[in-house]
Protein backbone atom coordinates (compact mmCIF):
# COMPACT_ATOMS: atom_id res chain seq x y z
CA MET A 1 0.00 0.00 0.00
CA THR A 2 1.25 3.51 -0.77
CA ALA A 3 2.66 4.96 2.42
CA THR A 4 0.97 7.95 4.01
CA THR A 5 2.93 10.75 5.63
CA GLN A 6 2.96 11.23 9.39
CA THR A 7 1.47 14.69 8.90
CA ASP A 8 -1.66 13.39 7.17
CA SER A 9 -4.46 13.99 9.70
CA LEU A 10 -6.67 11.32 8.09
CA ALA A 11 -4.19 8.43 8.28
CA LEU A 12 -4.90 5.91 11.02
CA ASP A 13 -4.08 2.48 12.36
CA PHE A 14 -6.88 -0.09 12.27
CA CYS A 15 -6.03 -3.47 13.79
CA GLY A 16 -2.41 -2.96 12.78
CA LEU A 17 -3.32 -1.97 9.22
CA ASP A 18 -2.43 1.50 7.97
CA PHE A 19 -5.46 3.27 6.46
CA ALA A 20 -4.88 6.36 4.31
CA SER A 21 -8.37 7.57 5.23
CA PRO A 22 -11.00 6.67 7.84
CA ILE A 23 -13.39 5.79 5.01
CA VAL A 24 -14.23 2.14 4.33
CA LEU A 25 -16.28 1.22 1.25
CA LEU A 26 -18.92 -1.25 2.35
CA SER A 27 -19.57 -4.80 1.20
CA GLY A 28 -22.03 -5.17 -1.67
CA CYS A 29 -21.72 -1.55 -2.79
CA VAL A 30 -18.54 -1.76 -4.87
CA GLY A 31 -18.55 -5.36 -6.10
CA PHE A 32 -15.16 -6.95 -5.58
CA GLY A 33 -13.36 -3.63 -5.60
CA GLU A 34 -12.17 -3.25 -9.17
CA GLU A 35 -15.60 -1.90 -10.15
CA TYR A 36 -14.89 1.15 -8.00
CA THR A 37 -11.14 1.65 -8.20
CA ARG A 38 -11.37 2.04 -11.97
CA VAL A 39 -13.86 4.95 -11.67
CA ALA A 40 -12.34 8.09 -13.20
CA GLY A 41 -11.05 10.31 -10.42
CA PHE A 42 -10.49 7.55 -7.84
CA SER A 43 -7.40 8.03 -5.71
CA ASN A 44 -5.79 5.58 -3.30
CA ALA A 45 -6.20 8.28 -0.64
CA ASP A 46 -10.01 8.30 -1.02
CA ALA A 47 -10.65 5.11 0.96
CA GLY A 48 -8.67 3.44 3.70
CA ALA A 49 -10.17 0.06 2.82
CA ILE A 50 -12.65 -1.68 0.54
CA VAL A 51 -14.83 -4.55 1.77
CA LEU A 52 -15.43 -7.09 -0.97
CA LYS A 53 -18.83 -8.49 -1.86
CA GLY A 54 -20.20 -11.09 0.54
CA THR A 55 -18.73 -14.49 -0.28
CA THR A 56 -20.04 -17.96 0.54
CA GLY A 57 -18.61 -21.46 0.21
CA SER A 58 -20.45 -22.26 -3.02
CA ALA A 59 -21.64 -19.97 -5.82
CA ARG A 60 -25.04 -18.37 -5.24
CA LEU A 61 -27.45 -16.88 -7.78
CA GLY A 62 -29.15 -14.68 -5.21
CA ASN A 63 -32.80 -13.77 -4.72
CA PRO A 64 -35.48 -13.31 -7.39
CA PRO A 65 -36.21 -9.74 -8.58
CA HIS A 66 -36.98 -7.09 -7.59
CA ARG A 67 -33.86 -6.90 -5.49
CA VAL A 68 -33.50 -3.15 -4.94
CA TYR A 69 -36.10 -0.49 -4.17
CA GLU A 70 -35.58 3.19 -3.37
CA THR A 71 -37.41 4.44 -0.28
CA PRO A 72 -37.67 7.91 1.24
CA GLN A 73 -34.18 8.65 2.57
CA GLY A 74 -32.98 5.13 1.91
CA MET A 75 -32.85 1.94 -0.09
CA LEU A 76 -34.13 -1.61 0.39
CA ASN A 77 -32.03 -4.42 -0.97
CA ALA A 78 -32.38 -8.19 -1.01
CA ILE A 79 -29.60 -9.32 -3.33
CA GLY A 80 -29.29 -12.68 -1.63
CA LEU A 81 -25.48 -12.89 -1.53
CA GLN A 82 -25.04 -13.50 -5.24
CA ASN A 83 -21.38 -14.44 -5.68
CA PRO A 84 -19.18 -16.93 -7.58
CA GLY A 85 -18.05 -18.81 -4.46
CA ALA A 86 -14.98 -18.41 -2.28
CA GLN A 87 -12.59 -20.59 -4.30
CA ARG A 88 -13.19 -18.61 -7.47
CA VAL A 89 -12.88 -15.29 -5.64
CA VAL A 90 -9.50 -16.30 -4.22
CA ARG A 91 -8.27 -17.92 -7.44
CA ASP A 92 -9.59 -15.52 -10.08
CA ILE A 93 -10.58 -12.21 -8.53
CA LEU A 94 -8.01 -11.42 -5.84
CA PRO A 95 -5.07 -11.62 -8.33
CA THR A 96 -6.71 -8.82 -10.36
CA LEU A 97 -6.76 -6.38 -7.42
CA ASP A 98 -4.01 -3.82 -6.89
CA PHE A 99 -3.16 -4.16 -3.20
CA SER A 100 -0.99 -1.03 -3.43
CA GLU A 101 -4.13 1.09 -3.95
CA THR A 102 -5.86 0.44 -0.64
CA ARG A 103 -6.61 -2.27 1.91
CA PHE A 104 -8.96 -5.05 0.83
CA ILE A 105 -11.20 -6.82 3.35
CA ALA A 106 -13.04 -10.06 2.56
CA ASN A 107 -16.66 -10.45 3.68
CA VAL A 108 -17.48 -13.98 4.80
CA SER A 109 -21.05 -15.30 4.92
CA GLY A 110 -22.50 -18.72 5.55
CA SER A 111 -25.56 -20.76 6.45
CA THR A 112 -23.69 -22.99 8.91
CA VAL A 113 -20.68 -22.59 11.21
CA GLU A 114 -18.83 -25.09 9.03
CA GLU A 115 -19.32 -22.87 5.97
CA TYR A 116 -17.94 -19.84 7.83
CA ILE A 117 -14.87 -21.88 8.75
CA GLU A 118 -14.37 -23.11 5.18
CA VAL A 119 -14.55 -19.63 3.64
CA THR A 120 -12.42 -18.03 6.36
CA ARG A 121 -9.66 -20.61 5.83
CA LEU A 122 -9.63 -19.93 2.09
CA PHE A 123 -9.21 -16.19 2.66
CA ASP A 124 -6.63 -16.79 5.37
CA ASP A 125 -4.43 -18.40 2.71
CA SER A 126 -4.67 -15.34 0.44
CA PRO A 127 -3.28 -11.79 0.21
CA ILE A 128 -6.46 -10.29 1.69
CA ASP A 129 -5.71 -7.79 4.48
CA ALA A 130 -8.53 -8.63 6.90
CA ILE A 131 -11.74 -10.64 7.15
CA GLU A 132 -15.20 -9.34 8.00
CA ILE A 133 -17.73 -11.94 9.11
CA ASN A 134 -21.37 -11.22 8.36
CA ILE A 135 -23.23 -12.91 11.21
CA SER A 136 -26.62 -11.71 9.98
CA CYS A 137 -26.92 -14.80 7.79
CA PRO A 138 -29.57 -17.41 8.72
CA ASN A 139 -28.39 -20.66 10.28
CA VAL A 140 -30.09 -23.39 8.25
CA LYS A 141 -29.50 -25.90 11.04
CA GLU A 142 -31.47 -23.72 13.46
CA GLY A 143 -34.51 -23.16 11.27
CA GLY A 144 -33.29 -19.98 9.59
CA VAL A 145 -32.54 -18.06 12.79
CA ALA A 146 -29.89 -15.40 12.09
CA PHE A 147 -26.56 -16.02 13.83
CA GLY A 148 -26.19 -12.35 14.69
CA ASN A 149 -29.43 -11.96 16.62
CA TYR A 150 -28.35 -14.17 19.53
CA PRO A 151 -25.11 -13.69 21.54
CA ASP A 152 -24.46 -17.43 21.95
CA MET A 153 -24.68 -18.04 18.20
CA SER A 154 -22.66 -14.93 17.37
CA ALA A 155 -19.87 -15.97 19.72
CA LYS A 156 -19.86 -19.49 18.27
CA VAL A 157 -19.25 -18.15 14.74
CA VAL A 158 -16.59 -15.69 15.87
CA GLU A 159 -14.76 -18.34 17.88
CA ALA A 160 -14.77 -20.74 14.93
CA CYS A 161 -13.50 -18.10 12.51
CA ARG A 162 -10.86 -16.97 15.00
CA ARG A 163 -9.39 -20.47 15.00
CA ALA A 164 -9.39 -20.48 11.19
CA THR A 165 -7.38 -17.31 10.61
CA SER A 166 -4.58 -15.17 11.98
CA LYS A 167 -5.74 -12.13 9.99
CA PRO A 168 -7.63 -9.26 11.66
CA LEU A 169 -11.22 -10.37 12.25
CA ILE A 170 -14.05 -7.83 12.01
CA THR A 171 -17.52 -8.84 13.22
CA LYS A 172 -20.45 -7.12 11.49
CA LEU A 173 -23.18 -6.64 14.06
CA SER A 174 -26.90 -6.70 13.32
CA PRO A 175 -29.23 -3.99 14.66
CA ASN A 176 -32.07 -6.54 14.63
CA GLN A 177 -31.33 -7.92 18.09
CA THR A 178 -32.31 -7.33 21.70
CA ASP A 179 -28.98 -6.41 23.33
CA ILE A 180 -26.16 -5.34 21.01
CA GLN A 181 -23.83 -4.60 23.94
CA GLU A 182 -24.08 -8.14 25.28
CA ASN A 183 -23.49 -9.48 21.78
CA ALA A 184 -20.41 -7.27 21.40
CA ARG A 185 -19.06 -8.43 24.76
CA ARG A 186 -19.46 -12.08 23.82
CA CYS A 187 -17.82 -11.53 20.42
CA ILE A 188 -14.83 -9.86 22.08
CA GLU A 189 -14.45 -12.84 24.42
CA ALA A 190 -14.64 -15.12 21.36
CA GLY A 191 -11.74 -13.32 19.71
CA THR A 192 -12.97 -10.58 17.36
CA ASP A 193 -10.45 -7.82 16.65
CA ALA A 194 -12.98 -5.19 15.55
CA PHE A 195 -16.63 -4.49 14.82
CA ALA A 196 -18.63 -3.12 11.89
CA VAL A 197 -21.72 -1.39 13.33
CA ILE A 198 -24.38 -1.74 11.93
CA ASN A 199 -25.74 -4.01 9.24
CA THR A 200 -29.00 -3.03 7.52
CA VAL A 201 -32.35 -2.78 9.31
CA MET A 202 -35.00 -5.18 8.04
CA GLY A 203 -37.94 -3.63 6.19
CA MET A 204 -40.35 -4.06 3.29
CA ALA A 205 -42.23 -2.13 0.61
CA ILE A 206 -45.70 -2.81 -0.83
CA ASP A 207 -47.12 -2.05 -4.26
CA ALA A 208 -50.60 -0.83 -3.26
CA GLU A 209 -52.04 -1.23 -6.78
CA LYS A 210 -50.97 -4.85 -7.01
CA ARG A 211 -51.32 -5.46 -3.26
CA ALA A 212 -48.04 -7.31 -3.41
CA PRO A 213 -44.52 -6.93 -1.97
CA VAL A 214 -42.17 -4.90 -4.15
CA ILE A 215 -39.13 -6.96 -3.15
CA GLY A 216 -39.12 -10.48 -4.57
CA ASN A 217 -37.86 -11.79 -1.25
CA VAL A 218 -40.70 -9.88 0.52
CA GLN A 219 -38.28 -8.27 2.97
CA GLY A 220 -34.93 -6.60 2.52
CA GLY A 221 -32.27 -4.61 4.30
CA LEU A 222 -32.90 -0.89 4.70
CA SER A 223 -29.85 1.36 4.34
CA GLY A 224 -29.23 5.04 3.77
CA PRO A 225 -29.93 8.21 5.79
CA ALA A 226 -33.17 6.77 7.19
CA ILE A 227 -31.22 4.46 9.51
CA LYS A 228 -28.53 6.93 10.60
CA PRO A 229 -30.03 7.71 14.06
CA ILE A 230 -30.30 3.98 14.79
CA ALA A 231 -26.74 3.34 13.63
CA LEU A 232 -25.34 6.24 15.68
CA LEU A 233 -26.93 4.91 18.86
CA LYS A 234 -25.65 1.39 18.22
CA VAL A 235 -22.11 2.67 17.61
CA HIS A 236 -22.26 4.62 20.88
CA GLN A 237 -23.55 1.57 22.75
CA VAL A 238 -20.96 -0.83 21.32
CA HIS A 239 -18.18 1.71 21.96
CA GLN A 240 -18.97 1.59 25.69
CA VAL A 241 -18.01 -2.09 25.64
CA ALA A 242 -15.32 -2.11 22.93
CA ARG A 243 -13.22 0.78 24.25
CA ARG A 244 -12.40 -1.13 27.43
CA HIS A 245 -10.70 -3.77 25.30
CA GLY A 246 -9.15 -1.52 22.65
CA VAL A 247 -11.44 -2.95 19.97
CA PRO A 248 -12.05 -0.47 17.09
CA ILE A 249 -15.33 0.08 15.28
CA ILE A 250 -16.27 0.79 11.66
CA GLY A 251 -19.37 2.97 12.08
CA GLN A 252 -21.84 2.72 9.23
CA GLY A 253 -25.44 3.43 8.35
CA GLY A 254 -26.63 6.48 6.45
CA ILE A 255 -23.37 8.40 6.14
CA VAL A 256 -23.63 10.86 3.24
CA THR A 257 -21.73 13.97 4.35
CA ALA A 258 -18.60 14.85 6.30
CA ARG A 259 -20.81 15.91 9.23
CA ASP A 260 -22.42 12.47 9.24
CA ALA A 261 -18.99 10.83 9.34
CA LEU A 262 -17.81 13.14 12.11
CA GLU A 263 -20.82 12.27 14.26
CA PHE A 264 -19.98 8.56 14.00
CA ILE A 265 -16.33 9.19 14.88
CA ILE A 266 -17.28 11.31 17.88
CA ALA A 267 -19.68 8.53 18.96
CA GLY A 268 -16.80 6.05 18.99
CA ALA A 269 -16.08 4.85 15.45
CA THR A 270 -12.42 4.65 14.44
CA ALA A 271 -13.41 4.37 10.76
CA VAL A 272 -16.63 5.06 8.86
CA GLY A 273 -18.36 2.96 6.22
CA ILE A 274 -19.82 4.48 3.06
CA GLY A 275 -22.33 2.45 1.06
CA THR A 276 -25.66 3.72 -0.23
CA ALA A 277 -24.25 7.22 -0.84
CA LEU A 278 -21.95 5.78 -3.52
CA PHE A 279 -24.93 4.89 -5.70
CA TYR A 280 -25.73 8.52 -6.43
CA ASP A 281 -22.29 10.11 -5.90
CA PRO A 282 -19.42 7.70 -6.65
CA LEU A 283 -16.85 10.34 -5.66
CA VAL A 284 -18.48 11.34 -2.38
CA CYS A 285 -15.49 9.99 -0.44
CA ARG A 286 -13.27 12.88 -1.45
CA LYS A 287 -15.84 15.41 -0.23
CA ILE A 288 -16.17 13.59 3.09
CA ASN A 289 -12.39 13.42 3.54
CA ASP A 290 -12.04 17.13 2.80
CA GLY A 291 -14.78 17.93 5.30
CA ILE A 292 -13.20 15.81 8.04
CA ARG A 293 -9.80 17.37 7.41
CA ASP A 294 -11.28 20.87 7.62
CA TYR A 295 -13.05 20.04 10.91
CA LEU A 296 -9.86 18.67 12.46
CA GLN A 297 -7.98 21.83 11.52
CA ARG A 298 -10.69 24.16 12.84
CA HIS A 299 -10.98 22.32 16.14
CA GLY A 300 -7.26 21.79 16.71
CA PHE A 301 -7.09 17.99 16.29
CA ALA A 302 -3.79 16.77 14.86
CA SER A 303 -5.27 13.43 13.82
CA VAL A 304 -8.68 11.89 13.21
CA ALA A 305 -7.71 9.24 15.79
CA ASN A 306 -7.76 11.94 18.47
CA LEU A 307 -11.43 12.64 17.73
CA VAL A 308 -12.65 9.07 18.26
CA GLY A 309 -15.07 8.69 21.15
CA THR A 310 -14.93 12.33 22.27
CA LEU A 311 -18.69 12.59 22.80
CA GLU A 312 -19.37 14.72 25.88
CA LEU A 313 -22.31 13.24 27.77
CA PRO A 314 -24.35 15.20 30.30
CA ASP A 315 -23.46 14.54 33.92
CA ALA A 316 -26.25 12.27 35.20
CA ARG A 317 -25.52 13.40 38.77
CA ALA A 318 -26.23 17.06 38.04
CA PRO A 319 -29.72 18.48 38.73
CA ALA A 320 -31.93 18.78 35.65
CA ALA A 321 -31.95 22.60 35.92
CA ALA A 322 -28.16 22.68 35.84
CA ARG A 323 -28.10 20.57 32.67
CA ALA A 324 -30.67 22.76 30.89
């Protein structure tokens, strides 16, 4: 990877990996990376890392159409993890990536713990920089219950993947669960190195004229600005647990502007994920980076790392009148 200078306020360390920028391009939004890095105007300083499309043990065709639907302030998607399978990704796609441009992170998905292990081992024996595990996938052996909605199941997947790789392991947490802090705590005990917070929020859309679901899969994941308040709260909550163990967070969910990104960093995110915003502004990363850099300069921060988790909470012990 092209080295960044010590004076670059956006450069940071994430699980021992040097990122040129706090921006991470999210899984499913830029294919396997080359679809985005070849966009005219892309610079290796625009994104600290790119997360590849979700990959499973065997090739998957994905869900029936419609797969994507625009909603007010957001987007529903139900792609269904369409991908060519892990072996082909490692054999045919990874060699086409320029690892000097940015960091590349694999996204591992599976329907069983054994599948997670299989895919993680394949990526462990590859040039990939880190591995993100998507624990929002349904466990077919448990009747389709999502791994990520229950701490015991989440920890089981993380522990299995931890044994299968020595690379940095990032656990992508679902917002569709009862206690995200307990889940985060269990994942840390199981060996995760970092978190991605959050995955999409489940939703649906209906065609009133046809009285039928718009999405072929009936339900899909909601992303975009509509979920930003939810994502911010979840990042803040997970940070309360993760900071005690030095576990960094990629904050994501509705980030469109530099101010959005700054709010996530202040809430506790070391890096910020950009996804839906890329669909209507492929070069939004540069604008966000410029905005973060300007904020750091105006507020006297030498590095974006110094801004992480600086949220000033009201003193709960003070009388209400004093806090007004």
